[in-house]
Amino acid sequence: MPSVSMSVEEYLRLIAAVDATTSAVREARTEAREVVQDVKAVKRKVSAYNRKYKAAFKKVSARYKLKSGKWKKNGFRSAVKAAHKMAGGKR
């Protein structure tokens, strides 16, 4: 096995360099966390059509479900179409 000889001063210099790098990384992570916490998520404004569609879907969905609450075959698709029709959309 090869032997490596290093003086005490060289060893201490190496340890100090590692500590400096580690502390710099910690500081960068802390700053990044603070920046991310400061940024607030922007909520989208719900459109009038979307509110009408949501209400229509809630009314219609019961017709396209089984007693157990599962969707009938093609039930979800049919409910979506019916809700769009009730909401007055061109979809």
PDB file of N, CA and C in Angstrom:
ATOM      1  N   MET A   1       0.839  -1.167   0.000  1.00  0.00           N
ATOM      2  CA  MET A   1       0.000   0.000   0.000  1.00  0.00           C
ATOM      3  C   MET A   1       0.893   1.242   0.000  1.00  0.00           C
ATOM      4  N   PRO A   2       0.583   2.221  -0.869  1.00  0.00           N
ATOM      5  CA  PRO A   2       1.436   3.404  -0.916  1.00  0.00           C
ATOM      6  C   PRO A   2       1.249   4.265   0.330  1.00  0.00           C
ATOM      7  N   SER A   3       2.292   4.903   0.735  1.00  0.00           N
ATOM      8  CA  SER A   3       2.196   5.769   1.913  1.00  0.00           C
ATOM      9  C   SER A   3       2.208   7.227   1.464  1.00  0.00           C
ATOM     10  N   VAL A   4       1.444   8.034   2.154  1.00  0.00           N
ATOM     11  CA  VAL A   4       1.373   9.453   1.853  1.00  0.00           C
ATOM     12  C   VAL A   4       1.874  10.189   3.077  1.00  0.00           C
ATOM     13  N   SER A   5       2.856  11.019   2.877  1.00  0.00           N
ATOM     14  CA  SER A   5       3.368  11.793   4.012  1.00  0.00           C
ATOM     15  C   SER A   5       2.943  13.241   3.828  1.00  0.00           C
ATOM     16  N   MET A   6       2.394  13.771   4.881  1.00  0.00           N
ATOM     17  CA  MET A   6       1.896  15.138   4.824  1.00  0.00           C
ATOM     18  C   MET A   6       2.276  15.798   6.140  1.00  0.00           C
ATOM     19  N   SER A   7       2.745  17.013   6.066  1.00  0.00           N
ATOM     20  CA  SER A   7       3.102  17.708   7.301  1.00  0.00           C
ATOM     21  C   SER A   7       1.824  18.161   7.998  1.00  0.00           C
ATOM     22  N   VAL A   8       1.964  18.503   9.245  1.00  0.00           N
ATOM     23  CA  VAL A   8       0.817  18.963  10.036  1.00  0.00           C
ATOM     24  C   VAL A   8       0.265  20.254   9.441  1.00  0.00           C
ATOM     25  N   GLU A   9       1.142  21.145   8.983  1.00  0.00           N
ATOM     26  CA  GLU A   9       0.700  22.415   8.399  1.00  0.00           C
ATOM     27  C   GLU A   9      -0.114  22.181   7.117  1.00  0.00           C
ATOM     28  N   GLU A  10       0.366  21.253   6.275  1.00  0.00           N
ATOM     29  CA  GLU A  10      -0.354  20.931   5.044  1.00  0.00           C
ATOM     30  C   GLU A  10      -1.724  20.344   5.354  1.00  0.00           C
ATOM     31  N   TYR A  11      -1.774  19.484   6.358  1.00  0.00           N
ATOM     32  CA  TYR A  11      -3.041  18.857   6.750  1.00  0.00           C
ATOM     33  C   TYR A  11      -4.017  19.916   7.253  1.00  0.00           C
ATOM     34  N   LEU A  12      -3.548  20.819   8.104  1.00  0.00           N
ATOM     35  CA  LEU A  12      -4.422  21.863   8.637  1.00  0.00           C
ATOM     36  C   LEU A  12      -4.917  22.802   7.534  1.00  0.00           C
ATOM     37  N   ARG A  13      -4.026  23.122   6.560  1.00  0.00           N
ATOM     38  CA  ARG A  13      -4.429  23.954   5.430  1.00  0.00           C
ATOM     39  C   ARG A  13      -5.526  23.269   4.615  1.00  0.00           C
ATOM     40  N   LEU A  14      -5.389  21.967   4.423  1.00  0.00           N
ATOM     41  CA  LEU A  14      -6.381  21.190   3.675  1.00  0.00           C
ATOM     42  C   LEU A  14      -7.726  21.177   4.399  1.00  0.00           C
ATOM     43  N   ILE A  15      -7.699  20.972   5.701  1.00  0.00           N
ATOM     44  CA  ILE A  15      -8.932  20.973   6.511  1.00  0.00           C
ATOM     45  C   ILE A  15      -9.592  22.346   6.471  1.00  0.00           C
ATOM     46  N   ALA A  16      -8.824  23.414   6.566  1.00  0.00           N
ATOM     47  CA  ALA A  16      -9.364  24.771   6.530  1.00  0.00           C
ATOM     48  C   ALA A  16     -10.031  25.058   5.188  1.00  0.00           C
ATOM     49  N   ALA A  17      -9.421  24.585   4.108  1.00  0.00           N
ATOM     50  CA  ALA A  17     -10.002  24.800   2.780  1.00  0.00           C
ATOM     51  C   ALA A  17     -11.335  24.079   2.652  1.00  0.00           C
ATOM     52  N   VAL A  18     -11.422  22.873   3.179  1.00  0.00           N
ATOM     53  CA  VAL A  18     -12.677  22.108   3.133  1.00  0.00           C
ATOM     54  C   VAL A  18     -13.742  22.808   3.969  1.00  0.00           C
ATOM     55  N   ASP A  19     -13.375  23.300   5.148  1.00  0.00           N
ATOM     56  CA  ASP A  19     -14.329  24.003   6.010  1.00  0.00           C
ATOM     57  C   ASP A  19     -14.849  25.268   5.347  1.00  0.00           C
ATOM     58  N   ALA A  20     -13.974  26.002   4.674  1.00  0.00           N
ATOM     59  CA  ALA A  20     -14.378  27.230   4.008  1.00  0.00           C
ATOM     60  C   ALA A  20     -15.366  26.936   2.888  1.00  0.00           C
ATOM     61  N   THR A  21     -15.095  25.884   2.125  1.00  0.00           N
ATOM     62  CA  THR A  21     -15.982  25.506   1.032  1.00  0.00           C
ATOM     63  C   THR A  21     -17.340  25.075   1.565  1.00  0.00           C
ATOM     64  N   THR A  22     -17.317  24.292   2.633  1.00  0.00           N
ATOM     65  CA  THR A  22     -18.560  23.801   3.229  1.00  0.00           C
ATOM     66  C   THR A  22     -19.407  24.943   3.774  1.00  0.00           C
ATOM     67  N   SER A  23     -18.778  25.895   4.453  1.00  0.00           N
ATOM     68  CA  SER A  23     -19.539  27.011   5.008  1.00  0.00           C
ATOM     69  C   SER A  23     -20.101  27.896   3.901  1.00  0.00           C
ATOM     70  N   ALA A  24     -19.364  28.056   2.794  1.00  0.00           N
ATOM     71  CA  ALA A  24     -19.867  28.849   1.669  1.00  0.00           C
ATOM     72  C   ALA A  24     -21.091  28.192   1.053  1.00  0.00           C
ATOM     73  N   VAL A  25     -21.071  26.879   0.952  1.00  0.00           N
ATOM     74  CA  VAL A  25     -22.216  26.145   0.405  1.00  0.00           C
ATOM     75  C   VAL A  25     -23.417  26.293   1.330  1.00  0.00           C
ATOM     76  N   ARG A  26     -23.191  26.196   2.636  1.00  0.00           N
ATOM     77  CA  ARG A  26     -24.291  26.361   3.604  1.00  0.00           C
ATOM     78  C   ARG A  26     -24.923  27.747   3.489  1.00  0.00           C
ATOM     79  N   GLU A  27     -24.070  28.777   3.379  1.00  0.00           N
ATOM     80  CA  GLU A  27     -24.587  30.142   3.260  1.00  0.00           C
ATOM     81  C   GLU A  27     -25.406  30.308   1.987  1.00  0.00           C
ATOM     82  N   ALA A  28     -24.939  29.740   0.893  1.00  0.00           N
ATOM     83  CA  ALA A  28     -25.664  29.843  -0.377  1.00  0.00           C
ATOM     84  C   ALA A  28     -27.011  29.150  -0.280  1.00  0.00           C
ATOM     85  N   ARG A  29     -27.050  27.999   0.368  1.00  0.00           N
ATOM     86  CA  ARG A  29     -28.321  27.290   0.531  1.00  0.00           C
ATOM     87  C   ARG A  29     -29.291  28.101   1.379  1.00  0.00           C
ATOM     88  N   THR A  30     -28.791  28.700   2.455  1.00  0.00           N
ATOM     89  CA  THR A  30     -29.641  29.509   3.330  1.00  0.00           C
ATOM     90  C   THR A  30     -30.227  30.691   2.566  1.00  0.00           C
ATOM     91  N   GLU A  31     -29.385  31.368   1.784  1.00  0.00           N
ATOM     92  CA  GLU A  31     -29.857  32.508   0.997  1.00  0.00           C
ATOM     93  C   GLU A  31     -30.892  32.070  -0.026  1.00  0.00           C
ATOM     94  N   ALA A  32     -30.678  30.925  -0.655  1.00  0.00           N
ATOM     95  CA  ALA A  32     -31.627  30.427  -1.648  1.00  0.00           C
ATOM     96  C   ALA A  32     -32.970  30.129  -0.996  1.00  0.00           C
ATOM     97  N   ARG A  33     -32.943  29.531   0.185  1.00  0.00           N
ATOM     98  CA  ARG A  33     -34.205  29.241   0.891  1.00  0.00           C
ATOM     99  C   ARG A  33     -34.959  30.521   1.213  1.00  0.00           C
ATOM    100  N   GLU A  34     -34.233  31.557   1.652  1.00  0.00           N
ATOM    101  CA  GLU A  34     -34.876  32.827   1.992  1.00  0.00           C
ATOM    102  C   GLU A  34     -35.530  33.453   0.761  1.00  0.00           C
ATOM    103  N   VAL A  35     -34.849  33.382  -0.373  1.00  0.00           N
ATOM    104  CA  VAL A  35     -35.392  33.953  -1.610  1.00  0.00           C
ATOM    105  C   VAL A  35     -36.652  33.204  -2.015  1.00  0.00           C
ATOM    106  N   VAL A  36     -36.621  31.881  -1.933  1.00  0.00           N
ATOM    107  CA  VAL A  36     -37.777  31.068  -2.319  1.00  0.00           C
ATOM    108  C   VAL A  36     -38.955  31.353  -1.399  1.00  0.00           C
ATOM    109  N   GLN A  37     -38.718  31.544  -0.120  1.00  0.00           N
ATOM    110  CA  GLN A  37     -39.802  31.819   0.820  1.00  0.00           C
ATOM    111  C   GLN A  37     -40.418  33.188   0.572  1.00  0.00           C
ATOM    112  N   ASP A  38     -39.597  34.147   0.085  1.00  0.00           N
ATOM    113  CA  ASP A  38     -40.103  35.496  -0.164  1.00  0.00           C
ATOM    114  C   ASP A  38     -41.023  35.558  -1.381  1.00  0.00           C
ATOM    115  N   VAL A  39     -40.834  34.653  -2.336  1.00  0.00           N
ATOM    116  CA  VAL A  39     -41.638  34.667  -3.551  1.00  0.00           C
ATOM    117  C   VAL A  39     -43.002  34.053  -3.242  1.00  0.00           C
ATOM    118  N   LYS A  40     -44.062  34.804  -3.525  1.00  0.00           N
ATOM    119  CA  LYS A  40     -45.415  34.301  -3.287  1.00  0.00           C
ATOM    120  C   LYS A  40     -45.996  33.804  -4.605  1.00  0.00           C
ATOM    121  N   ALA A  41     -46.722  32.703  -4.525  1.00  0.00           N
ATOM    122  CA  ALA A  41     -47.351  32.150  -5.724  1.00  0.00           C
ATOM    123  C   ALA A  41     -48.508  33.050  -6.148  1.00  0.00           C
ATOM    124  N   VAL A  42     -48.592  33.329  -7.421  1.00  0.00           N
ATOM    125  CA  VAL A  42     -49.663  34.163  -7.947  1.00  0.00           C
ATOM    126  C   VAL A  42     -50.823  33.259  -8.309  1.00  0.00           C
ATOM    127  N   LYS A  43     -51.985  33.532  -7.714  1.00  0.00           N
ATOM    128  CA  LYS A  43     -53.163  32.727  -8.011  1.00  0.00           C
ATOM    129  C   LYS A  43     -53.831  33.264  -9.268  1.00  0.00           C
ATOM    130  N   ARG A  44     -54.355  32.341 -10.047  1.00  0.00           N
ATOM    131  CA  ARG A  44     -55.047  32.768 -11.253  1.00  0.00           C
ATOM    132  C   ARG A  44     -56.465  33.189 -10.887  1.00  0.00           C
ATOM    133  N   LYS A  45     -57.027  34.069 -11.675  1.00  0.00           N
ATOM    134  CA  LYS A  45     -58.393  34.510 -11.447  1.00  0.00           C
ATOM    135  C   LYS A  45     -59.331  33.534 -12.145  1.00  0.00           C
ATOM    136  N   VAL A  46     -60.285  33.020 -11.410  1.00  0.00           N
ATOM    137  CA  VAL A  46     -61.231  32.058 -11.972  1.00  0.00           C
ATOM    138  C   VAL A  46     -62.212  32.811 -12.855  1.00  0.00           C
ATOM    139  N   SER A  47     -62.359  32.344 -14.081  1.00  0.00           N
ATOM    140  CA  SER A  47     -63.235  33.036 -15.030  1.00  0.00           C
ATOM    141  C   SER A  47     -64.700  32.771 -14.696  1.00  0.00           C
ATOM    142  N   ALA A  48     -65.552  33.613 -15.235  1.00  0.00           N
ATOM    143  CA  ALA A  48     -66.994  33.470 -15.011  1.00  0.00           C
ATOM    144  C   ALA A  48     -67.476  32.151 -15.610  1.00  0.00           C
ATOM    145  N   TYR A  49     -66.948  31.809 -16.791  1.00  0.00           N
ATOM    146  CA  TYR A  49     -67.362  30.552 -17.427  1.00  0.00           C
ATOM    147  C   TYR A  49     -66.957  29.364 -16.574  1.00  0.00           C
ATOM    148  N   ASN A  50     -65.769  29.423 -15.992  1.00  0.00           N
ATOM    149  CA  ASN A  50     -65.296  28.313 -15.185  1.00  0.00           C
ATOM    150  C   ASN A  50     -66.177  28.109 -13.960  1.00  0.00           C
ATOM    151  N   ARG A  51     -66.634  29.202 -13.361  1.00  0.00           N
ATOM    152  CA  ARG A  51     -67.536  29.090 -12.200  1.00  0.00           C
ATOM    153  C   ARG A  51     -68.871  28.464 -12.620  1.00  0.00           C
ATOM    154  N   LYS A  52     -69.404  28.886 -13.775  1.00  0.00           N
ATOM    155  CA  LYS A  52     -70.663  28.312 -14.272  1.00  0.00           C
ATOM    156  C   LYS A  52     -70.497  26.832 -14.578  1.00  0.00           C
ATOM    157  N   TYR A  53     -69.382  26.479 -15.216  1.00  0.00           N
ATOM    158  CA  TYR A  53     -69.121  25.082 -15.568  1.00  0.00           C
ATOM    159  C   TYR A  53     -69.010  24.221 -14.314  1.00  0.00           C
ATOM    160  N   LYS A  54     -68.317  24.721 -13.318  1.00  0.00           N
ATOM    161  CA  LYS A  54     -68.132  23.970 -12.070  1.00  0.00           C
ATOM    162  C   LYS A  54     -69.488  23.660 -11.427  1.00  0.00           C
ATOM    163  N   ALA A  55     -70.345  24.657 -11.354  1.00  0.00           N
ATOM    164  CA  ALA A  55     -71.665  24.458 -10.766  1.00  0.00           C
ATOM    165  C   ALA A  55     -72.497  23.484 -11.591  1.00  0.00           C
ATOM    166  N   ALA A  56     -72.433  23.622 -12.907  1.00  0.00           N
ATOM    167  CA  ALA A  56     -73.189  22.734 -13.792  1.00  0.00           C
ATOM    168  C   ALA A  56     -72.685  21.300 -13.671  1.00  0.00           C
ATOM    169  N   PHE A  57     -71.380  21.113 -13.569  1.00  0.00           N
ATOM    170  CA  PHE A  57     -70.816  19.766 -13.452  1.00  0.00           C
ATOM    171  C   PHE A  57     -71.274  19.107 -12.153  1.00  0.00           C
ATOM    172  N   LYS A  58     -71.314  19.868 -11.080  1.00  0.00           N
ATOM    173  CA  LYS A  58     -71.773  19.304  -9.798  1.00  0.00           C
ATOM    174  C   LYS A  58     -73.233  18.854  -9.888  1.00  0.00           C
ATOM    175  N   LYS A  59     -74.055  19.639 -10.583  1.00  0.00           N
ATOM    176  CA  LYS A  59     -75.468  19.273 -10.729  1.00  0.00           C
ATOM    177  C   LYS A  59     -75.635  18.023 -11.581  1.00  0.00           C
ATOM    178  N   VAL A  60     -74.895  17.931 -12.655  1.00  0.00           N
ATOM    179  CA  VAL A  60     -75.061  16.881 -13.658  1.00  0.00           C
ATOM    180  C   VAL A  60     -74.394  15.566 -13.255  1.00  0.00           C
ATOM    181  N   SER A  61     -73.320  15.627 -12.517  1.00  0.00           N
ATOM    182  CA  SER A  61     -72.491  14.436 -12.289  1.00  0.00           C
ATOM    183  C   SER A  61     -73.246  13.276 -11.646  1.00  0.00           C
ATOM    184  N   ALA A  62     -74.203  13.541 -10.794  1.00  0.00           N
ATOM    185  CA  ALA A  62     -74.939  12.460 -10.120  1.00  0.00           C
ATOM    186  C   ALA A  62     -75.674  11.565 -11.118  1.00  0.00           C
ATOM    187  N   ARG A  63     -76.135  12.146 -12.229  1.00  0.00           N
ATOM    188  CA  ARG A  63     -76.862  11.362 -13.230  1.00  0.00           C
ATOM    189  C   ARG A  63     -75.987  10.334 -13.933  1.00  0.00           C
ATOM    190  N   TYR A  64     -74.696  10.564 -13.940  1.00  0.00           N
ATOM    191  CA  TYR A  64     -73.782   9.704 -14.678  1.00  0.00           C
ATOM    192  C   TYR A  64     -72.947   8.808 -13.771  1.00  0.00           C
ATOM    193  N   LYS A  65     -73.408   8.630 -12.525  1.00  0.00           N
ATOM    194  CA  LYS A  65     -72.689   7.770 -11.581  1.00  0.00           C
ATOM    195  C   LYS A  65     -73.559   6.591 -11.162  1.00  0.00           C
ATOM    196  N   LEU A  66     -72.906   5.526 -10.699  1.00  0.00           N
ATOM    197  CA  LEU A  66     -73.604   4.362 -10.161  1.00  0.00           C
ATOM    198  C   LEU A  66     -73.936   4.600  -8.695  1.00  0.00           C
ATOM    199  N   LYS A  67     -74.682   3.675  -8.088  1.00  0.00           N
ATOM    200  CA  LYS A  67     -75.015   3.808  -6.677  1.00  0.00           C
ATOM    201  C   LYS A  67     -73.771   3.845  -5.798  1.00  0.00           C
ATOM    202  N   SER A  68     -72.757   3.117  -6.220  1.00  0.00           N
ATOM    203  CA  SER A  68     -71.522   3.051  -5.433  1.00  0.00           C
ATOM    204  C   SER A  68     -70.701   4.335  -5.530  1.00  0.00           C
ATOM    205  N   GLY A  69     -71.047   5.218  -6.437  1.00  0.00           N
ATOM    206  CA  GLY A  69     -70.310   6.462  -6.599  1.00  0.00           C
ATOM    207  C   GLY A  69     -69.309   6.419  -7.737  1.00  0.00           C
ATOM    208  N   LYS A  70     -69.143   5.237  -8.335  1.00  0.00           N
ATOM    209  CA  LYS A  70     -68.229   5.114  -9.473  1.00  0.00           C
ATOM    210  C   LYS A  70     -68.914   5.670 -10.709  1.00  0.00           C
ATOM    211  N   TRP A  71     -68.099   6.115 -11.662  1.00  0.00           N
ATOM    212  CA  TRP A  71     -68.647   6.621 -12.914  1.00  0.00           C
ATOM    213  C   TRP A  71     -69.195   5.469 -13.746  1.00  0.00           C
ATOM    214  N   LYS A  72     -70.324   5.711 -14.427  1.00  0.00           N
ATOM    215  CA  LYS A  72     -70.832   4.741 -15.390  1.00  0.00           C
ATOM    216  C   LYS A  72     -69.873   4.703 -16.576  1.00  0.00           C
ATOM    217  N   LYS A  73     -70.081   3.738 -17.452  1.00  0.00           N
ATOM    218  CA  LYS A  73     -69.241   3.667 -18.642  1.00  0.00           C
ATOM    219  C   LYS A  73     -69.462   4.945 -19.467  1.00  0.00           C
ATOM    220  N   ASN A  74     -68.383   5.618 -19.812  1.00  0.00           N
ATOM    221  CA  ASN A  74     -68.418   6.906 -20.509  1.00  0.00           C
ATOM    222  C   ASN A  74     -69.181   7.972 -19.725  1.00  0.00           C
ATOM    223  N   GLY A  75     -69.373   7.752 -18.440  1.00  0.00           N
ATOM    224  CA  GLY A  75     -70.130   8.689 -17.620  1.00  0.00           C
ATOM    225  C   GLY A  75     -69.444  10.022 -17.440  1.00  0.00           C
ATOM    226  N   PHE A  76     -68.167   9.989 -17.153  1.00  0.00           N
ATOM    227  CA  PHE A  76     -67.431  11.247 -16.947  1.00  0.00           C
ATOM    228  C   PHE A  76     -67.449  12.083 -18.218  1.00  0.00           C
ATOM    229  N   ARG A  77     -67.204  11.423 -19.323  1.00  0.00           N
ATOM    230  CA  ARG A  77     -67.197  12.116 -20.611  1.00  0.00           C
ATOM    231  C   ARG A  77     -68.561  12.754 -20.881  1.00  0.00           C
ATOM    232  N   SER A  78     -69.617  11.999 -20.615  1.00  0.00           N
ATOM    233  CA  SER A  78     -70.973  12.509 -20.844  1.00  0.00           C
ATOM    234  C   SER A  78     -71.297  13.653 -19.894  1.00  0.00           C
ATOM    235  N   ALA A  79     -70.834  13.537 -18.647  1.00  0.00           N
ATOM    236  CA  ALA A  79     -71.082  14.595 -17.671  1.00  0.00           C
ATOM    237  C   ALA A  79     -70.382  15.887 -18.087  1.00  0.00           C
ATOM    238  N   VAL A  80     -69.172  15.771 -18.583  1.00  0.00           N
ATOM    239  CA  VAL A  80     -68.426  16.947 -19.038  1.00  0.00           C
ATOM    240  C   VAL A  80     -69.167  17.628 -20.183  1.00  0.00           C
ATOM    241  N   LYS A  81     -69.622  16.837 -21.139  1.00  0.00           N
ATOM    242  CA  LYS A  81     -70.352  17.407 -22.287  1.00  0.00           C
ATOM    243  C   LYS A  81     -71.631  18.099 -21.825  1.00  0.00           C
ATOM    244  N   ALA A  82     -72.369  17.435 -20.930  1.00  0.00           N
ATOM    245  CA  ALA A  82     -73.625  18.016 -20.448  1.00  0.00           C
ATOM    246  C   ALA A  82     -73.375  19.301 -19.658  1.00  0.00           C
ATOM    247  N   ALA A  83     -72.309  19.314 -18.861  1.00  0.00           N
ATOM    248  CA  ALA A  83     -72.006  20.502 -18.058  1.00  0.00           C
ATOM    249  C   ALA A  83     -71.603  21.675 -18.951  1.00  0.00           C
ATOM    250  N   HIS A  84     -70.842  21.387 -20.004  1.00  0.00           N
ATOM    251  CA  HIS A  84     -70.468  22.459 -20.933  1.00  0.00           C
ATOM    252  C   HIS A  84     -71.711  23.011 -21.623  1.00  0.00           C
ATOM    253  N   LYS A  85     -72.626  22.111 -21.959  1.00  0.00           N
ATOM    254  CA  LYS A  85     -73.857  22.545 -22.613  1.00  0.00           C
ATOM    255  C   LYS A  85     -74.688  23.420 -21.676  1.00  0.00           C
ATOM    256  N   MET A  86     -74.796  23.018 -20.399  1.00  0.00           N
ATOM    257  CA  MET A  86     -75.541  23.801 -19.423  1.00  0.00           C
ATOM    258  C   MET A  86     -74.891  25.154 -19.147  1.00  0.00           C
ATOM    259  N   ALA A  87     -73.563  25.191 -19.151  1.00  0.00           N
ATOM    260  CA  ALA A  87     -72.848  26.427 -18.833  1.00  0.00           C
ATOM    261  C   ALA A  87     -72.898  27.418 -19.980  1.00  0.00           C
ATOM    262  N   GLY A  88     -73.314  26.952 -21.150  1.00  0.00           N
ATOM    263  CA  GLY A  88     -73.461  27.846 -22.292  1.00  0.00           C
ATOM    264  C   GLY A  88     -72.188  28.026 -23.087  1.00  0.00           C
ATOM    265  N   GLY A  89     -71.317  27.060 -22.994  1.00  0.00           N
ATOM    266  CA  GLY A  89     -70.051  27.165 -23.727  1.00  0.00           C
ATOM    267  C   GLY A  89     -70.139  26.557 -25.101  1.00  0.00           C
ATOM    268  N   LYS A  90     -69.169  26.850 -25.925  1.00  0.00           N
ATOM    269  CA  LYS A  90     -69.113  26.321 -27.288  1.00  0.00           C
ATOM    270  C   LYS A  90     -68.299  25.059 -27.346  1.00  0.00           C
ATOM    271  N   ARG A  91     -67.968  24.480 -26.206  1.00  0.00           N
ATOM    272  CA  ARG A  91     -67.062  23.327 -26.173  1.00  0.00           C
ATOM    273  C   ARG A  91     -67.778  22.037 -26.387  1.00  0.00           C
TER     274      ARG A  91
END
